[in-house]
PDB file of all heavy atoms in Angstrom:
ATOM      1  N   ALA A   1      -3.845  -1.992   3.844  1.00  0.00           N
ATOM      2  CA  ALA A   1      -3.186  -1.211   2.793  1.00  0.00           C
ATOM      3  C   ALA A   1      -4.218  -0.954   1.670  1.00  0.00           C
ATOM      4  O   ALA A   1      -5.174  -1.673   1.479  1.00  0.00           O
ATOM      5  CB  ALA A   1      -2.021  -2.012   2.225  1.00  0.00           C
ATOM      6  N   ARG A   2      -3.920   0.120   0.980  1.00  0.00           N
ATOM      7  CA  ARG A   2      -4.819   0.547  -0.111  1.00  0.00           C
ATOM      8  C   ARG A   2      -3.966   1.022  -1.312  1.00  0.00           C
ATOM      9  O   ARG A   2      -2.919   1.651  -1.074  1.00  0.00           O
ATOM     10  CB  ARG A   2      -5.713   1.693   0.392  1.00  0.00           C
ATOM     11  CG  ARG A   2      -6.602   2.267  -0.632  1.00  0.00           C
ATOM     12  CD  ARG A   2      -7.644   3.200   0.053  1.00  0.00           C
ATOM     13  NE  ARG A   2      -8.614   2.416   0.786  1.00  0.00           N
ATOM     14  CZ  ARG A   2      -9.286   2.890   1.847  1.00  0.00           C
ATOM     15  NH1 ARG A   2      -9.037   4.147   2.292  1.00  0.00           N
ATOM     16  NH2 ARG A   2     -10.146   2.131   2.470  1.00  0.00           N
ATOM     17  N   ILE A   3      -4.443   0.718  -2.484  1.00  0.00           N
ATOM     18  CA  ILE A   3      -3.751   1.212  -3.669  1.00  0.00           C
ATOM     19  C   ILE A   3      -4.776   1.819  -4.588  1.00  0.00           C
ATOM     20  O   ILE A   3      -5.839   1.259  -4.869  1.00  0.00           O
ATOM     21  CB  ILE A   3      -2.974   0.070  -4.356  1.00  0.00           C
ATOM     22  CG1 ILE A   3      -2.135   0.609  -5.529  1.00  0.00           C
ATOM     23  CG2 ILE A   3      -3.868  -1.084  -4.791  1.00  0.00           C
ATOM     24  CD1 ILE A   3      -1.063  -0.330  -6.022  1.00  0.00           C
ATOM     25  N   PHE A   4      -4.435   3.063  -5.072  1.00  0.00           N
ATOM     26  CA  PHE A   4      -5.365   3.787  -5.890  1.00  0.00           C
ATOM     27  C   PHE A   4      -5.054   3.518  -7.345  1.00  0.00           C
ATOM     28  O   PHE A   4      -4.033   2.926  -7.688  1.00  0.00           O
ATOM     29  CB  PHE A   4      -5.220   5.278  -5.610  1.00  0.00           C
ATOM     30  CG  PHE A   4      -5.596   5.657  -4.171  1.00  0.00           C
ATOM     31  CD1 PHE A   4      -4.619   5.590  -3.138  1.00  0.00           C
ATOM     32  CD2 PHE A   4      -6.878   5.949  -3.825  1.00  0.00           C
ATOM     33  CE1 PHE A   4      -4.954   5.867  -1.834  1.00  0.00           C
ATOM     34  CE2 PHE A   4      -7.248   6.217  -2.509  1.00  0.00           C
ATOM     35  CZ  PHE A   4      -6.302   6.204  -1.523  1.00  0.00           C
ATOM     36  N   SER A   5      -5.935   3.940  -8.228  1.00  0.00           N
ATOM     37  CA  SER A   5      -5.799   3.631  -9.642  1.00  0.00           C
ATOM     38  C   SER A   5      -4.506   4.114 -10.243  1.00  0.00           C
ATOM     39  O   SER A   5      -3.973   3.447 -11.127  1.00  0.00           O
ATOM     40  CB  SER A   5      -7.035   4.139 -10.439  1.00  0.00           C
ATOM     41  OG  SER A   5      -7.135   5.524 -10.234  1.00  0.00           O
ATOM     42  N   GLY A   6      -4.040   5.190  -9.738  1.00  0.00           N
ATOM     43  CA  GLY A   6      -2.772   5.786 -10.264  1.00  0.00           C
ATOM     44  C   GLY A   6      -1.577   5.108  -9.697  1.00  0.00           C
ATOM     45  O   GLY A   6      -0.415   5.420 -10.150  1.00  0.00           O
ATOM     46  N   GLY A   7      -1.722   4.235  -8.711  1.00  0.00           N
ATOM     47  CA  GLY A   7      -0.605   3.528  -8.125  1.00  0.00           C
ATOM     48  C   GLY A   7      -0.136   4.000  -6.782  1.00  0.00           C
ATOM     49  O   GLY A   7       0.708   3.361  -6.160  1.00  0.00           O
ATOM     50  N   SER A   8      -0.711   5.108  -6.303  1.00  0.00           N
ATOM     51  CA  SER A   8      -0.290   5.575  -4.956  1.00  0.00           C
ATOM     52  C   SER A   8      -0.881   4.612  -3.931  1.00  0.00           C
ATOM     53  O   SER A   8      -1.879   3.997  -4.149  1.00  0.00           O
ATOM     54  CB  SER A   8      -0.722   7.005  -4.726  1.00  0.00           C
ATOM     55  OG  SER A   8      -2.186   7.060  -4.847  1.00  0.00           O
ATOM     56  N   THR A   9      -0.182   4.578  -2.794  1.00  0.00           N
ATOM     57  CA  THR A   9      -0.561   3.631  -1.746  1.00  0.00           C
ATOM     58  C   THR A   9      -0.646   4.258  -0.377  1.00  0.00           C
ATOM     59  O   THR A   9      -0.008   5.309  -0.122  1.00  0.00           O
ATOM     60  CB  THR A   9       0.491   2.484  -1.702  1.00  0.00           C
ATOM     61  OG1 THR A   9       1.783   3.028  -1.452  1.00  0.00           O
ATOM     62  CG2 THR A   9       0.517   1.699  -3.010  1.00  0.00           C
ATOM     63  N   THR A  10      -1.356   3.599   0.528  1.00  0.00           N
ATOM     64  CA  THR A  10      -1.383   3.968   1.903  1.00  0.00           C
ATOM     65  C   THR A  10      -1.367   2.674   2.708  1.00  0.00           C
ATOM     66  O   THR A  10      -1.756   1.639   2.244  1.00  0.00           O
ATOM     67  CB  THR A  10      -2.619   4.777   2.318  1.00  0.00           C
ATOM     68  OG1 THR A  10      -3.798   3.953   2.079  1.00  0.00           O
ATOM     69  CG2 THR A  10      -2.757   6.066   1.530  1.00  0.00           C
ATOM     70  N   TYR A  11      -0.750   2.806   3.918  1.00  0.00           N
ATOM     71  CA  TYR A  11      -0.598   1.645   4.789  1.00  0.00           C
ATOM     72  C   TYR A  11      -0.968   1.958   6.236  1.00  0.00           C
ATOM     73  O   TYR A  11      -0.798   3.101   6.680  1.00  0.00           O
ATOM     74  CB  TYR A  11       0.888   1.154   4.807  1.00  0.00           C
ATOM     75  CG  TYR A  11       1.344   0.649   3.451  1.00  0.00           C
ATOM     76  CD1 TYR A  11       1.990   1.508   2.558  1.00  0.00           C
ATOM     77  CD2 TYR A  11       1.208  -0.684   3.120  1.00  0.00           C
ATOM     78  CE1 TYR A  11       2.415   1.059   1.345  1.00  0.00           C
ATOM     79  CE2 TYR A  11       1.656  -1.138   1.865  1.00  0.00           C
ATOM     80  CZ  TYR A  11       2.264  -0.273   0.982  1.00  0.00           C
ATOM     81  OH  TYR A  11       2.719  -0.730  -0.250  1.00  0.00           O
ATOM     82  N   ALA A  12      -1.460   0.934   6.935  1.00  0.00           N
ATOM     83  CA  ALA A  12      -1.641   1.080   8.357  1.00  0.00           C
ATOM     84  C   ALA A  12      -0.234   1.227   8.985  1.00  0.00           C
ATOM     85  O   ALA A  12       0.732   0.648   8.532  1.00  0.00           O
ATOM     86  CB  ALA A  12      -2.319  -0.122   8.911  1.00  0.00           C
ATOM     87  N   ASP A  13      -0.168   2.007  10.034  1.00  0.00           N
ATOM     88  CA  ASP A  13       1.140   2.206  10.711  1.00  0.00           C
ATOM     89  C   ASP A  13       1.761   0.900  11.129  1.00  0.00           C
ATOM     90  O   ASP A  13       3.013   0.741  11.135  1.00  0.00           O
ATOM     91  CB  ASP A  13       0.934   3.139  11.939  1.00  0.00           C
ATOM     92  CG  ASP A  13       0.693   4.580  11.540  1.00  0.00           C
ATOM     93  OD1 ASP A  13       0.945   4.935  10.383  1.00  0.00           O
ATOM     94  OD2 ASP A  13       0.186   5.325  12.405  1.00  0.00           O
ATOM     95  N   SER A  14       0.915  -0.030  11.547  1.00  0.00           N
ATOM     96  CA  SER A  14       1.438  -1.302  12.064  1.00  0.00           C
ATOM     97  C   SER A  14       2.150  -2.166  11.039  1.00  0.00           C
ATOM     98  O   SER A  14       2.892  -3.086  11.360  1.00  0.00           O
ATOM     99  CB  SER A  14       0.280  -2.109  12.671  1.00  0.00           C
ATOM    100  OG  SER A  14      -0.703  -2.378  11.721  1.00  0.00           O
ATOM    101  N   VAL A  15       1.915  -1.898   9.739  1.00  0.00           N
ATOM    102  CA  VAL A  15       2.590  -2.699   8.704  1.00  0.00           C
ATOM    103  C   VAL A  15       3.513  -1.908   7.811  1.00  0.00           C
ATOM    104  O   VAL A  15       4.197  -2.495   6.931  1.00  0.00           O
ATOM    105  CB  VAL A  15       1.518  -3.386   7.811  1.00  0.00           C
ATOM    106  CG1 VAL A  15       0.505  -4.147   8.663  1.00  0.00           C
ATOM    107  CG2 VAL A  15       0.790  -2.374   6.907  1.00  0.00           C
ATOM    108  N   LYS A  16       3.633  -0.623   8.023  1.00  0.00           N
ATOM    109  CA  LYS A  16       4.577   0.170   7.224  1.00  0.00           C
ATOM    110  C   LYS A  16       5.986  -0.359   7.310  1.00  0.00           C
ATOM    111  O   LYS A  16       6.509  -0.661   8.354  1.00  0.00           O
ATOM    112  CB  LYS A  16       4.523   1.612   7.698  1.00  0.00           C
ATOM    113  CG  LYS A  16       3.334   2.427   7.167  1.00  0.00           C
ATOM    114  CD  LYS A  16       3.426   3.861   7.683  1.00  0.00           C
ATOM    115  CE  LYS A  16       2.200   4.655   7.194  1.00  0.00           C
ATOM    116  NZ  LYS A  16       2.164   6.026   7.746  1.00  0.00           N
ATOM    117  N   GLY A  17       6.601  -0.446   6.152  1.00  0.00           N
ATOM    118  CA  GLY A  17       7.933  -0.953   6.046  1.00  0.00           C
ATOM    119  C   GLY A  17       8.081  -2.451   5.996  1.00  0.00           C
ATOM    120  O   GLY A  17       9.137  -3.007   5.764  1.00  0.00           O
ATOM    121  N   ARG A  18       6.947  -3.204   6.248  1.00  0.00           N
ATOM    122  CA  ARG A  18       6.936  -4.650   6.182  1.00  0.00           C
ATOM    123  C   ARG A  18       6.092  -5.187   5.086  1.00  0.00           C
ATOM    124  O   ARG A  18       6.416  -6.191   4.466  1.00  0.00           O
ATOM    125  CB  ARG A  18       6.465  -5.191   7.553  1.00  0.00           C
ATOM    126  CG  ARG A  18       7.311  -4.769   8.740  1.00  0.00           C
ATOM    127  CD  ARG A  18       6.898  -5.539   9.973  1.00  0.00           C
ATOM    128  NE  ARG A  18       5.485  -5.288  10.392  1.00  0.00           N
ATOM    129  CZ  ARG A  18       4.591  -6.211  10.536  1.00  0.00           C
ATOM    130  NH1 ARG A  18       4.831  -7.466  10.267  1.00  0.00           N
ATOM    131  NH2 ARG A  18       3.364  -5.861  10.909  1.00  0.00           N
ATOM    132  N   PHE A  19       4.972  -4.508   4.807  1.00  0.00           N
ATOM    133  CA  PHE A  19       4.034  -4.954   3.777  1.00  0.00           C
ATOM    134  C   PHE A  19       4.119  -4.044   2.567  1.00  0.00           C
ATOM    135  O   PHE A  19       4.329  -2.853   2.675  1.00  0.00           O
ATOM    136  CB  PHE A  19       2.622  -4.921   4.301  1.00  0.00           C
ATOM    137  CG  PHE A  19       2.290  -5.927   5.382  1.00  0.00           C
ATOM    138  CD1 PHE A  19       3.256  -6.680   5.975  1.00  0.00           C
ATOM    139  CD2 PHE A  19       0.974  -6.148   5.739  1.00  0.00           C
ATOM    140  CE1 PHE A  19       2.962  -7.613   6.953  1.00  0.00           C
ATOM    141  CE2 PHE A  19       0.636  -7.103   6.709  1.00  0.00           C
ATOM    142  CZ  PHE A  19       1.634  -7.806   7.342  1.00  0.00           C
ATOM    143  N   THR A  20       3.880  -4.635   1.380  1.00  0.00           N
ATOM    144  CA  THR A  20       3.845  -3.883   0.171  1.00  0.00           C
ATOM    145  C   THR A  20       2.634  -4.285  -0.696  1.00  0.00           C
ATOM    146  O   THR A  20       2.499  -5.497  -0.952  1.00  0.00           O
ATOM    147  CB  THR A  20       5.111  -4.073  -0.670  1.00  0.00           C
ATOM    148  OG1 THR A  20       6.229  -3.679   0.100  1.00  0.00           O
ATOM    149  CG2 THR A  20       5.089  -3.202  -1.932  1.00  0.00           C
ATOM    150  N   ILE A  21       1.812  -3.334  -1.052  1.00  0.00           N
ATOM    151  CA  ILE A  21       0.653  -3.612  -1.906  1.00  0.00           C
ATOM    152  C   ILE A  21       1.007  -3.229  -3.353  1.00  0.00           C
ATOM    153  O   ILE A  21       1.696  -2.252  -3.576  1.00  0.00           O
ATOM    154  CB  ILE A  21      -0.577  -2.844  -1.409  1.00  0.00           C
ATOM    155  CG1 ILE A  21      -1.835  -3.339  -2.156  1.00  0.00           C
ATOM    156  CG2 ILE A  21      -0.395  -1.343  -1.514  1.00  0.00           C
ATOM    157  CD1 ILE A  21      -3.157  -2.759  -1.582  1.00  0.00           C
ATOM    158  N   SER A  22       0.571  -4.052  -4.263  1.00  0.00           N
ATOM    159  CA  SER A  22       0.808  -3.790  -5.690  1.00  0.00           C
ATOM    160  C   SER A  22      -0.360  -4.252  -6.507  1.00  0.00           C
ATOM    161  O   SER A  22      -1.152  -5.071  -6.039  1.00  0.00           O
ATOM    162  CB  SER A  22       2.097  -4.469  -6.152  1.00  0.00           C
ATOM    163  OG  SER A  22       2.007  -5.878  -6.000  1.00  0.00           O
ATOM    164  N   ARG A  23      -0.453  -3.783  -7.751  1.00  0.00           N
ATOM    165  CA  ARG A  23      -1.590  -4.206  -8.595  1.00  0.00           C
ATOM    166  C   ARG A  23      -1.125  -4.424 -10.004  1.00  0.00           C
ATOM    167  O   ARG A  23      -0.137  -3.781 -10.452  1.00  0.00           O
ATOM    168  CB  ARG A  23      -2.739  -3.235  -8.492  1.00  0.00           C
ATOM    169  CG  ARG A  23      -2.426  -1.869  -9.107  1.00  0.00           C
ATOM    170  CD  ARG A  23      -3.555  -0.900  -8.762  1.00  0.00           C
ATOM    171  NE  ARG A  23      -4.784  -1.204  -9.384  1.00  0.00           N
ATOM    172  CZ  ARG A  23      -5.983  -0.614  -9.057  1.00  0.00           C
ATOM    173  NH1 ARG A  23      -5.979   0.356  -8.117  1.00  0.00           N
ATOM    174  NH2 ARG A  23      -7.093  -0.915  -9.636  1.00  0.00           N
ATOM    175  N   ASP A  24      -1.804  -5.280 -10.718  1.00  0.00           N
ATOM    176  CA  ASP A  24      -1.594  -5.506 -12.125  1.00  0.00           C
ATOM    177  C   ASP A  24      -2.917  -5.240 -12.766  1.00  0.00           C
ATOM    178  O   ASP A  24      -3.825  -6.064 -12.799  1.00  0.00           O
ATOM    179  CB  ASP A  24      -1.082  -6.940 -12.385  1.00  0.00           C
ATOM    180  CG  ASP A  24      -0.718  -7.178 -13.800  1.00  0.00           C
ATOM    181  OD1 ASP A  24      -1.349  -6.546 -14.725  1.00  0.00           O
ATOM    182  OD2 ASP A  24       0.159  -8.014 -14.068  1.00  0.00           O
TER     183      ASP A  24
END
């Protein structure tokens, strides 16, 4: 998973819907 400075995210297909990336 990847999270950009603006908050948008991308995920590997194998983890979509199960994993969530977030940042503070």
